[in-house]
Amino acid sequence: MARETGSLKAAREDAKKTKGRPPGTGGPVGLTRRNVMAAQKKFQEYEERALEVMVEILNDTEADHAVRLKAANDIWNRSRGTPVSVSVQHQIQERENVSPISTGAISTAGTKDLEQLAAVLARFIEAERNTLDVTPTMPNGYPEG
């Protein structure tokens, strides 16, 4: 190993004392919402052309099958989302809706079933509105039994 000069040795010692990346080397500090949005805006200028290129590759019967498949997958994932992201989106929606009936069950139910469910729910809501709360309120200091 070559002999270290004084300044290199000092730099190594300083690096051992401080944690994280040296200032000005990027990393998470440089990743802000504003920077991400600016980068997205720059890329959006080319999205139509990128789609055209992917479609050209997809339609090129002379191209390698793997390349054509990659183009098809890229187009599909950009239009429909990747299977993982779609699954995550559905999970988030399910959690946000917090319904005892799953979105999947509702989407697979027939119109007649949904109409019956709506009628039952309407009757339940009406019954709840017409219910009087007769729970007695005890005065302060009343002994509990």
Protein backbone atom coordinates (compact mmCIF):
# COMPACT_ATOMS: atom_id res chain seq x y z
CA MET A 1 0.00 0.00 0.00
CA ALA A 2 1.29 3.46 -0.88
CA ARG A 3 2.19 5.84 1.90
CA GLU A 4 -0.58 8.40 2.58
CA THR A 5 0.19 12.07 2.45
CA GLY A 6 -0.67 14.27 5.43
CA SER A 7 -3.77 15.82 3.88
CA LEU A 8 -5.18 12.46 2.74
CA LYS A 9 -4.59 10.96 6.15
CA ALA A 10 -6.28 13.95 7.80
CA ALA A 11 -9.25 13.64 5.43
CA ARG A 12 -9.65 9.96 6.29
CA GLU A 13 -9.56 10.76 10.01
CA ASP A 14 -12.19 13.49 9.56
CA ALA A 15 -14.38 11.11 7.57
CA LYS A 16 -14.29 8.59 10.41
CA LYS A 17 -15.44 11.24 12.89
CA THR A 18 -18.51 12.40 10.95
CA LYS A 19 -21.40 10.20 9.89
CA GLY A 20 -23.27 10.35 6.62
CA ARG A 21 -22.29 11.76 3.29
CA PRO A 22 -19.95 14.70 2.93
CA PRO A 23 -21.73 18.01 2.32
CA GLY A 24 -22.52 18.72 -1.32
CA THR A 25 -22.46 15.10 -2.50
CA GLY A 26 -26.17 14.88 -3.15
CA GLY A 27 -28.17 12.08 -1.64
CA PRO A 28 -31.49 12.50 0.11
CA VAL A 29 -30.86 16.17 0.92
CA GLY A 30 -30.97 17.05 -2.81
CA LEU A 31 -34.18 15.05 -3.37
CA THR A 32 -37.01 17.48 -2.81
CA ARG A 33 -40.57 17.51 -4.11
CA ARG A 34 -39.69 20.55 -6.21
CA ASN A 35 -36.72 18.77 -7.80
CA VAL A 36 -38.80 15.67 -8.53
CA MET A 37 -41.55 17.75 -10.11
CA ALA A 38 -39.03 19.66 -12.22
CA ALA A 39 -37.51 16.40 -13.47
CA GLN A 40 -40.96 14.98 -14.22
CA LYS A 41 -41.82 18.10 -16.20
CA LYS A 42 -38.66 17.71 -18.31
CA PHE A 43 -39.44 14.06 -19.03
CA GLN A 44 -43.07 14.83 -19.86
CA GLU A 45 -41.88 16.83 -22.85
CA TYR A 46 -40.71 13.54 -24.39
CA GLU A 47 -43.49 11.20 -23.32
CA GLU A 48 -45.38 11.30 -26.64
CA ARG A 49 -42.22 10.53 -28.61
CA ALA A 50 -41.29 7.78 -26.15
CA LEU A 51 -44.68 6.19 -26.66
CA GLU A 52 -44.27 6.47 -30.44
CA VAL A 53 -40.88 4.73 -30.22
CA MET A 54 -42.30 1.95 -28.03
CA VAL A 55 -45.18 1.44 -30.47
CA GLU A 56 -42.73 1.38 -33.41
CA ILE A 57 -40.67 -1.31 -31.67
CA LEU A 58 -43.81 -3.24 -30.76
CA ASN A 59 -44.98 -3.21 -34.39
CA ASP A 60 -41.55 -3.99 -35.88
CA THR A 61 -41.84 -7.65 -36.90
CA GLU A 62 -38.09 -7.71 -37.62
CA ALA A 63 -37.22 -6.78 -34.02
CA ASP A 64 -36.17 -9.39 -31.48
CA HIS A 65 -39.12 -10.91 -29.61
CA ALA A 66 -37.69 -9.95 -26.23
CA VAL A 67 -37.40 -6.31 -27.31
CA ARG A 68 -40.97 -6.31 -28.64
CA LEU A 69 -42.25 -7.92 -25.44
CA LYS A 70 -40.41 -5.31 -23.36
CA ALA A 71 -42.02 -2.54 -25.41
CA ALA A 72 -45.45 -4.14 -24.98
CA ASN A 73 -44.94 -4.46 -21.21
CA ASP A 74 -43.74 -0.87 -20.93
CA ILE A 75 -46.77 0.42 -22.83
CA TRP A 76 -49.12 -1.75 -20.77
CA ASN A 77 -47.56 -0.74 -17.44
CA ARG A 78 -47.74 2.94 -18.31
CA SER A 79 -51.37 2.74 -19.33
CA ARG A 80 -52.66 0.29 -16.68
CA GLY A 81 -49.99 0.34 -14.01
CA THR A 82 -47.76 -2.52 -12.97
CA PRO A 83 -49.53 -5.45 -11.32
CA VAL A 84 -47.91 -4.57 -8.00
CA SER A 85 -48.90 -0.89 -8.12
CA VAL A 86 -52.47 -1.76 -9.10
CA SER A 87 -52.67 -4.21 -6.20
CA VAL A 88 -51.31 -1.60 -3.79
CA GLN A 89 -53.79 0.98 -5.11
CA HIS A 90 -56.68 -1.40 -4.48
CA GLN A 91 -55.44 -2.10 -0.96
CA ILE A 92 -55.20 1.62 -0.24
CA GLN A 93 -58.70 2.21 -1.62
CA GLU A 94 -60.08 -0.64 0.49
CA ARG A 95 -58.50 0.85 3.63
CA GLU A 96 -59.75 4.35 2.82
CA ASN A 97 -63.31 3.20 2.18
CA VAL A 98 -63.43 1.17 5.43
CA SER A 99 -66.55 -0.62 4.37
CA PRO A 100 -67.79 -3.93 5.78
CA ILE A 101 -68.53 -4.89 2.18
CA SER A 102 -65.47 -5.25 -0.02
CA THR A 103 -65.16 -3.36 -3.28
CA GLY A 104 -64.56 -6.71 -4.97
CA ALA A 105 -67.88 -8.09 -3.72
CA ILE A 106 -69.70 -4.98 -4.87
CA SER A 107 -68.07 -5.00 -8.31
CA THR A 108 -68.97 -8.67 -8.90
CA ALA A 109 -72.54 -8.38 -7.63
CA GLY A 110 -75.35 -8.18 -10.14
CA THR A 111 -77.64 -5.20 -10.55
CA LYS A 112 -80.55 -6.99 -8.87
CA ASP A 113 -78.40 -7.86 -5.83
CA LEU A 114 -77.19 -4.26 -5.55
CA GLU A 115 -80.76 -2.92 -5.80
CA GLN A 116 -81.85 -5.30 -3.01
CA LEU A 117 -78.90 -4.21 -0.88
CA ALA A 118 -79.74 -0.55 -1.48
CA ALA A 119 -83.36 -1.17 -0.42
CA VAL A 120 -82.27 -2.94 2.78
CA LEU A 121 -79.81 -0.15 3.58
CA ALA A 122 -82.46 2.50 2.95
CA ARG A 123 -84.86 0.74 5.36
CA PHE A 124 -82.08 0.42 7.96
CA ILE A 125 -81.19 4.10 7.68
CA GLU A 126 -84.85 5.13 7.94
CA ALA A 127 -85.29 2.91 11.01
CA GLU A 128 -82.20 4.49 12.60
CA ARG A 129 -83.58 7.98 11.97
CA ASN A 130 -86.90 7.05 13.60
CA THR A 131 -85.32 5.42 16.66
CA LEU A 132 -85.57 7.40 19.86
CA ASP A 133 -82.78 7.09 22.38
CA VAL A 134 -84.41 6.43 25.74
CA THR A 135 -81.24 5.72 27.68
CA PRO A 136 -81.73 7.39 31.09
CA THR A 137 -79.28 10.06 32.08
CA MET A 138 -78.46 9.94 35.75
CA PRO A 139 -77.78 13.12 37.66
CA ASN A 140 -74.25 13.86 38.81
CA GLY A 141 -73.37 12.15 42.09
CA TYR A 142 -76.03 9.47 41.69
CA PRO A 143 -74.72 6.19 43.12
CA GLU A 144 -73.94 3.56 40.56
CA GLY A 145 -75.54 0.18 41.18
